Protein backbone atom coordinates (compact mmCIF):
# COMPACT_ATOMS: atom_id res chain seq x y z
CA UNK A 1 0.00 0.00 0.00
CA UNK A 2 1.79 3.08 -1.31
CA UNK A 3 -0.07 5.51 0.99
CA UNK A 4 0.86 3.44 4.04
CA UNK A 5 4.52 3.32 2.98
CA UNK A 6 4.58 7.09 2.55
CA UNK A 7 2.95 7.63 5.95
CA UNK A 8 5.56 5.41 7.57
CA UNK A 9 8.40 7.32 5.93
CA UNK A 10 6.94 10.67 6.93
CA UNK A 11 6.87 9.44 10.52
CA UNK A 12 10.18 7.55 10.67
CA UNK A 13 12.36 8.73 7.81
CA UNK A 14 13.67 6.69 4.85
CA UNK A 15 12.80 3.00 5.31
CA UNK A 16 13.00 1.41 1.86
CA UNK A 17 15.19 -1.52 0.96
CA UNK A 18 16.93 -2.05 -2.39
CA UNK A 19 13.69 -3.23 -4.03
CA UNK A 20 11.68 -0.21 -2.84
CA UNK A 21 9.74 -2.03 -0.14
CA UNK A 22 9.66 -1.02 3.52
CA UNK A 23 12.61 -2.60 5.35
CA UNK A 24 10.73 -4.16 8.27
CA UNK A 25 13.91 -4.89 10.23
CA UNK A 26 15.00 -1.26 9.97
CA UNK A 27 11.55 -0.06 11.04
CA UNK A 28 11.48 -2.56 13.88
CA UNK A 29 14.88 -1.45 15.13
CA UNK A 30 13.49 2.09 15.36
CA UNK A 31 10.27 1.26 17.22
CA UNK A 32 10.56 -1.88 19.36
CA UNK A 33 12.76 -0.26 21.99
CA UNK A 34 10.77 2.98 22.12
CA UNK A 35 7.16 2.77 23.35
CA UNK A 36 6.20 6.16 21.91
CA UNK A 37 7.48 5.26 18.43
CA UNK A 38 5.82 1.85 18.63
CA UNK A 39 2.52 3.51 19.51
CA UNK A 40 2.93 5.86 16.53
CA UNK A 41 3.68 2.93 14.20
CA UNK A 42 0.65 1.02 15.47
CA UNK A 43 -1.62 4.02 14.94
CA UNK A 44 -0.43 4.47 11.35
CA UNK A 45 -0.63 0.78 10.48
CA UNK A 46 -3.97 0.27 12.20
CA UNK A 47 -5.64 3.00 10.16
CA UNK A 48 -4.67 1.26 6.93
CA UNK A 49 -5.45 -2.26 8.14
CA UNK A 50 -8.82 -1.32 9.63
CA UNK A 51 -9.97 0.51 6.53
CA UNK A 52 -8.99 -2.33 4.17
CA UNK A 53 -10.37 -5.07 6.44
CA UNK A 54 -13.73 -3.36 6.88
CA UNK A 55 -13.94 -2.98 3.09
CA UNK A 56 -13.16 -6.68 2.55
CA UNK A 57 -15.76 -7.85 5.10
CA UNK A 58 -18.39 -5.61 3.51
CA UNK A 59 -17.54 -6.97 0.05
CA UNK A 60 -17.77 -10.56 1.32
CA UNK A 61 -21.16 -9.94 2.92
CA UNK A 62 -22.50 -8.32 -0.26
CA UNK A 63 -21.44 -11.47 -2.16
CA UNK A 64 -23.23 -13.69 0.34
CA UNK A 65 -20.06 -14.96 1.99
CA UNK A 66 -21.11 -15.55 5.59
CA UNK A 67 -17.75 -16.44 7.09
CA UNK A 68 -14.67 -14.25 6.97
CA UNK A 69 -11.53 -14.91 8.99
CA UNK A 70 -9.52 -11.87 10.00
CA UNK A 71 -5.90 -12.45 10.97
CA UNK A 72 -4.87 -8.97 12.05
CA UNK A 73 -2.35 -7.56 14.41
CA UNK A 74 -4.05 -5.52 17.14
CA UNK A 75 -7.48 -6.89 16.24
CA UNK A 76 -8.84 -5.98 19.66
CA UNK A 77 -7.19 -2.58 19.97
CA UNK A 78 -8.15 -1.49 16.46
CA UNK A 79 -11.88 -2.04 16.82
CA UNK A 80 -11.93 -4.79 14.19
CA UNK A 81 -13.09 -7.26 16.83
CA UNK A 82 -16.48 -5.51 16.55
CA UNK A 83 -16.87 -7.28 13.19
CA UNK A 84 -16.33 -10.68 14.80
CA UNK A 85 -18.61 -13.13 16.53
CA UNK A 86 -15.58 -15.15 17.64
CA UNK A 87 -12.08 -13.97 18.49
CA UNK A 88 -9.25 -16.45 18.99
CA UNK A 89 -6.07 -15.59 20.86
CA UNK A 90 -3.12 -17.71 19.77
CA UNK A 91 -0.72 -17.81 22.69
CA UNK A 92 2.70 -19.35 23.15
CA UNK A 93 5.37 -19.25 25.84
CA UNK A 94 7.64 -16.20 25.50
CA UNK A 95 10.77 -18.29 24.89
CA UNK A 96 9.05 -20.17 22.07
CA UNK A 97 7.94 -16.87 20.51
CA UNK A 98 11.48 -15.50 20.67
CA UNK A 99 12.87 -18.62 19.00
CA UNK A 100 10.18 -18.60 16.30
CA UNK A 101 10.67 -14.92 15.50
CA UNK A 102 14.43 -15.40 15.24
CA UNK A 103 14.02 -18.38 12.91
CA UNK A 104 11.30 -16.79 10.77
CA UNK A 105 12.82 -13.33 10.39
CA UNK A 106 16.53 -14.14 10.73
CA UNK A 107 17.01 -11.59 13.51
CA UNK A 108 19.24 -11.62 16.60
CA UNK A 109 17.88 -12.73 19.96
CA UNK A 110 18.01 -9.26 21.54
CA UNK A 111 15.84 -7.81 18.78
CA UNK A 112 13.41 -10.74 19.00
CA UNK A 113 13.10 -10.17 22.75
CA UNK A 114 12.30 -6.49 22.18
CA UNK A 115 9.49 -7.51 19.85
CA UNK A 116 8.07 -10.01 22.34
CA UNK A 117 8.25 -7.47 25.18
CA UNK A 118 6.33 -4.98 23.02
CA UNK A 119 3.37 -7.38 22.85
CA UNK A 120 0.47 -7.36 25.29
CA UNK A 121 0.61 -9.99 27.99
CA UNK A 122 -1.32 -13.25 27.91
CA UNK A 123 -3.87 -12.05 30.48
CA UNK A 124 -5.03 -9.29 28.11
CA UNK A 125 -5.89 -11.79 25.39
CA UNK A 126 -7.47 -14.29 27.77
CA UNK A 127 -9.72 -11.52 29.11
CA UNK A 128 -10.77 -10.14 25.73
CA UNK A 129 -11.03 -13.12 23.37
CA UNK A 130 -13.85 -15.63 23.16
CA UNK A 131 -11.42 -18.52 22.60
CA UNK A 132 -7.78 -19.25 23.37
CA UNK A 133 -5.50 -21.56 21.40
CA UNK A 134 -2.14 -22.30 23.02
CA UNK A 135 0.69 -23.10 20.64
CA UNK A 136 2.75 -25.35 22.85
CA UNK A 137 3.27 -27.93 20.12
CA UNK A 138 6.63 -29.32 19.15
CA UNK A 139 6.13 -28.82 15.44
CA UNK A 140 4.27 -26.69 12.95
CA UNK A 141 2.38 -29.78 11.75
CA UNK A 142 1.18 -30.56 15.28
CA UNK A 143 -0.04 -27.01 15.77
CA UNK A 144 -1.75 -27.03 12.38
CA UNK A 145 -3.73 -30.08 13.49
CA UNK A 146 -4.56 -28.51 16.85
CA UNK A 147 -5.74 -25.32 15.11
CA UNK A 148 -7.81 -27.33 12.61
CA UNK A 149 -9.58 -29.13 15.44
CA UNK A 150 -10.22 -25.86 17.28
CA UNK A 151 -11.65 -24.29 14.12
CA UNK A 152 -13.97 -27.25 13.59
CA UNK A 153 -15.24 -26.86 17.17
CA UNK A 154 -15.80 -23.12 16.73
CA UNK A 155 -17.67 -23.63 13.45
CA UNK A 156 -19.93 -26.26 15.05
CA UNK A 157 -20.71 -23.84 17.91
CA UNK A 158 -21.46 -21.02 15.43
CA UNK A 159 -23.95 -23.23 13.57
CA UNK A 160 -25.72 -24.32 16.78
């Protein structure tokens, strides 16, 4: 989203990589250790995500699509949860999250820890979500199966 990229650069300075995309590691290094900058980033990103998500849900409903899954950062804080009949918090132990972030994004441990510390605590999600799914599985395949089973249960409850 070109407008989002421009908003981010107005707020945080040049952020583009060699291909012209936002360098997420550079942006993260600027915000994850500074609560005020992180709040500013979240406000900018949330505006764009909320607008686009609301548009997509409206389009789906107009086409008769009754089920839409929204996988959005800050779903609760952004107000997008108002569109949902069910909200699922996916939780994992902090050490597992650090390891997964490092492996996925190829970042050093200190940076991964900053990102984890910037997240809301588990109690927030347990208090505000209708369902909780704990990712304490030893493999991605095991968690995929656990998530599939949880989704089946949620869909059965929605139909009842």
